[in-house]
Amino acid sequence: MTLPTSALSVFRRGRRIVQVSNVDNIADQESLQAYADRLRLQSMQSYDTITLYTANKPGHGVRDTVAVVHPEAGGLYQEIAWSLVLEPGAQMYHKLQKAVIV
C-alpha cells in the first residue's frame, strides 16, 4: 500500500501508471497472481551494466554471479555476456549487470 504522501502515490503523481499484458494458458488464480507480482517487481527495477576485461579464464558461464570490488561500480553482478580470443596473452571480455531498485 502506498501512502498519499509518497512520491510514487497516485495522489502525488496525479495519474495512474498502468501496464497491460495479455496472458494465455495461466493454470489458476494463484499462478496469475504470481505472474502479476513478478511483473510489478520487474517494473520497479532498472539495470546497471558494466564491461570489464580480464585474462582468459575458462570454467564459467553466462548468468554466473560475479563480485566486483571497485569504488565506482562495486557490488554483485550477473554475467550476461562474455567472449574470448583463443591465443596467448589475449583478454576476455565480460558484460555484467545488476538490478537496481528505482
N, C-alpha and C. Protein backbone atom coordinates (compact mmCIF):
# COMPACT_ATOMS: atom_id res chain seq x y z
N MET A 1 0.84 -1.18 0.00
CA MET A 1 0.00 0.00 0.00
C MET A 1 0.89 1.24 0.00
N THR A 2 0.61 2.17 -0.88
CA THR A 2 1.38 3.40 -0.98
C THR A 2 0.67 4.51 -0.22
N LEU A 3 1.42 5.23 0.58
CA LEU A 3 0.85 6.35 1.32
C LEU A 3 0.63 7.54 0.39
N PRO A 4 -0.40 8.35 0.63
CA PRO A 4 -0.66 9.52 -0.22
C PRO A 4 0.51 10.50 -0.25
N THR A 5 1.34 10.51 0.78
CA THR A 5 2.48 11.44 0.84
C THR A 5 3.70 10.91 0.09
N SER A 6 3.67 9.67 -0.34
CA SER A 6 4.80 9.09 -1.08
C SER A 6 4.92 9.73 -2.46
N ALA A 7 6.15 9.90 -2.93
CA ALA A 7 6.39 10.47 -4.26
C ALA A 7 5.84 9.56 -5.36
N LEU A 8 5.62 8.29 -5.05
CA LEU A 8 5.12 7.34 -6.03
C LEU A 8 3.61 7.15 -5.99
N SER A 9 2.92 7.85 -5.10
CA SER A 9 1.48 7.65 -4.96
C SER A 9 0.71 8.25 -6.14
N VAL A 10 -0.48 7.69 -6.40
CA VAL A 10 -1.35 8.21 -7.44
C VAL A 10 -1.70 9.67 -7.14
N PHE A 11 -1.91 9.98 -5.88
CA PHE A 11 -2.26 11.34 -5.45
C PHE A 11 -1.16 12.32 -5.83
N ARG A 12 0.10 11.99 -5.54
CA ARG A 12 1.23 12.90 -5.82
C ARG A 12 1.53 12.98 -7.32
N ARG A 13 1.42 11.86 -8.02
CA ARG A 13 1.69 11.85 -9.46
C ARG A 13 0.55 12.45 -10.26
N GLY A 14 -0.66 12.37 -9.73
CA GLY A 14 -1.82 12.89 -10.42
C GLY A 14 -2.32 11.98 -11.54
N ARG A 15 -1.81 10.78 -11.57
CA ARG A 15 -2.23 9.83 -12.61
C ARG A 15 -1.86 8.42 -12.17
N ARG A 16 -2.46 7.46 -12.84
CA ARG A 16 -2.12 6.05 -12.60
C ARG A 16 -1.12 5.60 -13.66
N ILE A 17 -0.16 4.81 -13.25
CA ILE A 17 0.81 4.21 -14.17
C ILE A 17 0.37 2.76 -14.35
N VAL A 18 -0.01 2.41 -15.56
CA VAL A 18 -0.51 1.05 -15.79
C VAL A 18 0.28 0.38 -16.90
N GLN A 19 0.24 -0.93 -16.85
CA GLN A 19 0.84 -1.75 -17.90
C GLN A 19 -0.18 -2.81 -18.27
N VAL A 20 -0.41 -2.99 -19.53
CA VAL A 20 -1.35 -4.01 -20.00
C VAL A 20 -0.55 -5.17 -20.55
N SER A 21 -0.85 -6.37 -20.06
CA SER A 21 -0.19 -7.58 -20.53
C SER A 21 -1.25 -8.61 -20.87
N ASN A 22 -1.18 -9.14 -22.06
CA ASN A 22 -2.07 -10.23 -22.44
C ASN A 22 -1.45 -11.55 -22.01
N VAL A 23 -2.21 -12.37 -21.34
CA VAL A 23 -1.70 -13.66 -20.87
C VAL A 23 -2.56 -14.77 -21.45
N ASP A 24 -1.96 -15.92 -21.59
CA ASP A 24 -2.65 -17.08 -22.13
C ASP A 24 -2.13 -18.31 -21.40
N ASN A 25 -2.96 -19.25 -21.18
CA ASN A 25 -2.58 -20.53 -20.55
C ASN A 25 -2.07 -20.38 -19.12
N ILE A 26 -2.70 -19.51 -18.34
CA ILE A 26 -2.39 -19.43 -16.92
C ILE A 26 -3.27 -20.46 -16.22
N ALA A 27 -2.65 -21.34 -15.46
CA ALA A 27 -3.33 -22.50 -14.90
C ALA A 27 -4.43 -22.14 -13.89
N ASP A 28 -4.15 -21.17 -13.01
CA ASP A 28 -5.11 -20.86 -11.96
C ASP A 28 -4.87 -19.44 -11.44
N GLN A 29 -5.71 -19.01 -10.51
CA GLN A 29 -5.61 -17.66 -9.96
C GLN A 29 -4.28 -17.45 -9.25
N GLU A 30 -3.80 -18.46 -8.56
CA GLU A 30 -2.53 -18.34 -7.84
C GLU A 30 -1.37 -18.10 -8.82
N SER A 31 -1.36 -18.80 -9.92
CA SER A 31 -0.32 -18.62 -10.94
C SER A 31 -0.42 -17.24 -11.58
N LEU A 32 -1.64 -16.78 -11.82
CA LEU A 32 -1.85 -15.45 -12.39
C LEU A 32 -1.34 -14.38 -11.43
N GLN A 33 -1.62 -14.54 -10.14
CA GLN A 33 -1.16 -13.57 -9.14
C GLN A 33 0.36 -13.56 -9.07
N ALA A 34 0.99 -14.73 -9.11
CA ALA A 34 2.46 -14.81 -9.09
C ALA A 34 3.05 -14.11 -10.31
N TYR A 35 2.43 -14.29 -11.47
CA TYR A 35 2.88 -13.63 -12.70
C TYR A 35 2.75 -12.11 -12.58
N ALA A 36 1.62 -11.64 -12.06
CA ALA A 36 1.40 -10.20 -11.88
C ALA A 36 2.39 -9.62 -10.87
N ASP A 37 2.66 -10.35 -9.80
CA ASP A 37 3.63 -9.89 -8.80
C ASP A 37 5.03 -9.78 -9.41
N ARG A 38 5.41 -10.74 -10.24
CA ARG A 38 6.71 -10.71 -10.90
C ARG A 38 6.82 -9.51 -11.84
N LEU A 39 5.77 -9.23 -12.61
CA LEU A 39 5.77 -8.06 -13.50
C LEU A 39 5.88 -6.76 -12.71
N ARG A 40 5.20 -6.69 -11.57
CA ARG A 40 5.25 -5.50 -10.72
C ARG A 40 6.68 -5.28 -10.21
N LEU A 41 7.32 -6.34 -9.74
CA LEU A 41 8.68 -6.23 -9.24
C LEU A 41 9.64 -5.81 -10.35
N GLN A 42 9.50 -6.39 -11.52
CA GLN A 42 10.37 -6.04 -12.65
C GLN A 42 10.18 -4.60 -13.08
N SER A 43 8.97 -4.08 -12.96
CA SER A 43 8.71 -2.69 -13.37
C SER A 43 9.38 -1.69 -12.44
N MET A 44 9.74 -2.10 -11.24
CA MET A 44 10.39 -1.21 -10.28
C MET A 44 11.91 -1.34 -10.32
N GLN A 45 12.44 -2.08 -11.29
CA GLN A 45 13.88 -2.29 -11.36
C GLN A 45 14.47 -1.63 -12.60
N SER A 46 15.68 -1.22 -12.43
CA SER A 46 16.49 -0.74 -13.53
C SER A 46 17.76 -1.58 -13.48
N TYR A 47 18.57 -1.51 -14.50
CA TYR A 47 19.77 -2.32 -14.52
C TYR A 47 21.01 -1.47 -14.74
N ASP A 48 22.04 -1.75 -13.97
CA ASP A 48 23.34 -1.12 -14.12
C ASP A 48 24.22 -2.14 -14.84
N THR A 49 24.80 -1.75 -15.96
CA THR A 49 25.61 -2.66 -16.76
C THR A 49 27.03 -2.12 -16.86
N ILE A 50 28.00 -3.00 -16.64
CA ILE A 50 29.40 -2.62 -16.79
C ILE A 50 30.10 -3.63 -17.69
N THR A 51 31.21 -3.22 -18.27
CA THR A 51 32.03 -4.07 -19.11
C THR A 51 33.43 -4.09 -18.52
N LEU A 52 34.03 -5.25 -18.46
CA LEU A 52 35.40 -5.32 -18.00
C LEU A 52 36.16 -6.40 -18.77
N TYR A 53 37.47 -6.32 -18.69
CA TYR A 53 38.34 -7.26 -19.39
C TYR A 53 39.25 -7.93 -18.37
N THR A 54 39.48 -9.22 -18.56
CA THR A 54 40.37 -9.98 -17.69
C THR A 54 41.24 -10.88 -18.57
N ALA A 55 42.18 -11.57 -17.94
CA ALA A 55 42.91 -12.61 -18.65
C ALA A 55 41.91 -13.73 -18.98
N ASN A 56 42.18 -14.50 -20.02
CA ASN A 56 41.29 -15.62 -20.37
C ASN A 56 41.16 -16.57 -19.19
N LYS A 57 39.94 -16.87 -18.83
CA LYS A 57 39.68 -17.76 -17.69
C LYS A 57 38.54 -18.71 -18.05
N PRO A 58 38.86 -19.98 -18.26
CA PRO A 58 37.79 -20.95 -18.55
C PRO A 58 37.04 -21.35 -17.28
N GLY A 59 35.95 -22.07 -17.46
CA GLY A 59 35.26 -22.64 -16.31
C GLY A 59 34.14 -21.80 -15.74
N HIS A 60 33.59 -20.92 -16.49
CA HIS A 60 32.42 -20.17 -16.01
C HIS A 60 31.48 -19.97 -17.18
N GLY A 61 30.29 -19.45 -16.87
CA GLY A 61 29.30 -19.31 -17.93
C GLY A 61 28.42 -18.09 -17.74
N VAL A 62 27.56 -17.88 -18.70
CA VAL A 62 26.59 -16.79 -18.64
C VAL A 62 25.66 -17.03 -17.45
N ARG A 63 25.29 -15.98 -16.78
CA ARG A 63 24.43 -15.96 -15.59
C ARG A 63 25.17 -16.32 -14.31
N ASP A 64 26.49 -16.46 -14.36
CA ASP A 64 27.26 -16.63 -13.14
C ASP A 64 27.23 -15.33 -12.35
N THR A 65 27.35 -15.43 -11.04
CA THR A 65 27.40 -14.25 -10.18
C THR A 65 28.85 -13.84 -9.98
N VAL A 66 29.10 -12.54 -10.12
CA VAL A 66 30.46 -12.00 -10.02
C VAL A 66 30.45 -10.87 -9.00
N ALA A 67 31.38 -10.92 -8.04
CA ALA A 67 31.53 -9.84 -7.07
C ALA A 67 32.56 -8.86 -7.61
N VAL A 68 32.16 -7.60 -7.74
CA VAL A 68 33.06 -6.55 -8.23
C VAL A 68 33.38 -5.63 -7.06
N VAL A 69 34.68 -5.44 -6.82
CA VAL A 69 35.12 -4.54 -5.75
C VAL A 69 35.82 -3.36 -6.43
N HIS A 70 35.08 -2.26 -6.52
CA HIS A 70 35.59 -1.05 -7.16
C HIS A 70 34.79 0.12 -6.60
N PRO A 71 35.43 1.25 -6.31
CA PRO A 71 34.69 2.36 -5.69
C PRO A 71 33.55 2.92 -6.54
N GLU A 72 33.65 2.82 -7.86
CA GLU A 72 32.61 3.38 -8.72
C GLU A 72 31.55 2.39 -9.17
N ALA A 73 31.84 1.09 -9.11
CA ALA A 73 30.88 0.11 -9.64
C ALA A 73 30.91 -1.19 -8.84
N GLY A 74 30.98 -1.11 -7.54
CA GLY A 74 31.04 -2.31 -6.72
C GLY A 74 29.70 -2.97 -6.55
N GLY A 75 29.73 -4.25 -6.19
CA GLY A 75 28.51 -4.99 -5.90
C GLY A 75 28.49 -6.35 -6.55
N LEU A 76 27.37 -7.02 -6.42
CA LEU A 76 27.18 -8.33 -7.04
C LEU A 76 26.52 -8.15 -8.39
N TYR A 77 27.13 -8.70 -9.41
CA TYR A 77 26.64 -8.61 -10.77
C TYR A 77 26.40 -10.00 -11.32
N GLN A 78 25.58 -10.06 -12.35
CA GLN A 78 25.33 -11.30 -13.07
C GLN A 78 25.97 -11.15 -14.45
N GLU A 79 26.74 -12.15 -14.85
CA GLU A 79 27.38 -12.08 -16.16
C GLU A 79 26.34 -12.38 -17.23
N ILE A 80 26.15 -11.44 -18.16
CA ILE A 80 25.13 -11.62 -19.20
C ILE A 80 25.75 -11.90 -20.56
N ALA A 81 27.06 -11.67 -20.70
CA ALA A 81 27.74 -11.98 -21.96
C ALA A 81 29.24 -12.03 -21.71
N TRP A 82 29.90 -12.83 -22.50
CA TRP A 82 31.36 -12.85 -22.46
C TRP A 82 31.88 -13.40 -23.78
N SER A 83 33.11 -13.06 -24.07
CA SER A 83 33.77 -13.61 -25.24
C SER A 83 35.27 -13.63 -24.99
N LEU A 84 35.95 -14.48 -25.72
CA LEU A 84 37.40 -14.57 -25.56
C LEU A 84 38.03 -14.96 -26.89
N VAL A 85 39.29 -14.62 -27.00
CA VAL A 85 40.09 -14.98 -28.17
C VAL A 85 41.06 -16.05 -27.71
N LEU A 86 41.12 -17.15 -28.43
CA LEU A 86 41.97 -18.27 -28.04
C LEU A 86 43.38 -18.11 -28.61
N GLU A 87 44.12 -17.21 -28.00
CA GLU A 87 45.53 -17.05 -28.35
C GLU A 87 46.27 -16.54 -27.11
N PRO A 88 47.55 -16.84 -27.02
CA PRO A 88 48.31 -16.44 -25.83
C PRO A 88 48.27 -14.94 -25.59
N GLY A 89 48.05 -14.55 -24.34
CA GLY A 89 48.04 -13.16 -23.95
C GLY A 89 46.76 -12.40 -24.27
N ALA A 90 45.78 -13.06 -24.86
CA ALA A 90 44.52 -12.38 -25.21
C ALA A 90 43.71 -12.07 -23.95
N GLN A 91 42.81 -11.12 -24.09
CA GLN A 91 41.94 -10.75 -22.98
C GLN A 91 40.54 -11.28 -23.20
N MET A 92 39.85 -11.46 -22.10
CA MET A 92 38.47 -11.94 -22.10
C MET A 92 37.56 -10.76 -21.78
N TYR A 93 36.50 -10.60 -22.56
CA TYR A 93 35.52 -9.53 -22.40
C TYR A 93 34.35 -10.06 -21.57
N HIS A 94 33.93 -9.28 -20.58
CA HIS A 94 32.79 -9.65 -19.73
C HIS A 94 31.79 -8.49 -19.71
N LYS A 95 30.52 -8.80 -19.87
CA LYS A 95 29.45 -7.80 -19.71
C LYS A 95 28.65 -8.24 -18.49
N LEU A 96 28.58 -7.37 -17.48
CA LEU A 96 27.94 -7.68 -16.20
C LEU A 96 26.76 -6.75 -15.97
N GLN A 97 25.77 -7.25 -15.24
CA GLN A 97 24.55 -6.48 -14.99
C GLN A 97 24.08 -6.74 -13.57
N LYS A 98 23.57 -5.67 -12.92
CA LYS A 98 22.93 -5.86 -11.62
C LYS A 98 21.63 -5.07 -11.60
N ALA A 99 20.68 -5.60 -10.87
CA ALA A 99 19.39 -4.94 -10.73
C ALA A 99 19.49 -3.84 -9.70
N VAL A 100 18.86 -2.70 -10.01
CA VAL A 100 18.83 -1.56 -9.11
C VAL A 100 17.36 -1.21 -8.90
N ILE A 101 16.91 -1.18 -7.66
CA ILE A 101 15.53 -0.83 -7.37
C ILE A 101 15.38 0.69 -7.50
N VAL A 102 14.43 1.11 -8.34
CA VAL A 102 14.24 2.54 -8.57
C VAL A 102 13.06 3.07 -7.77
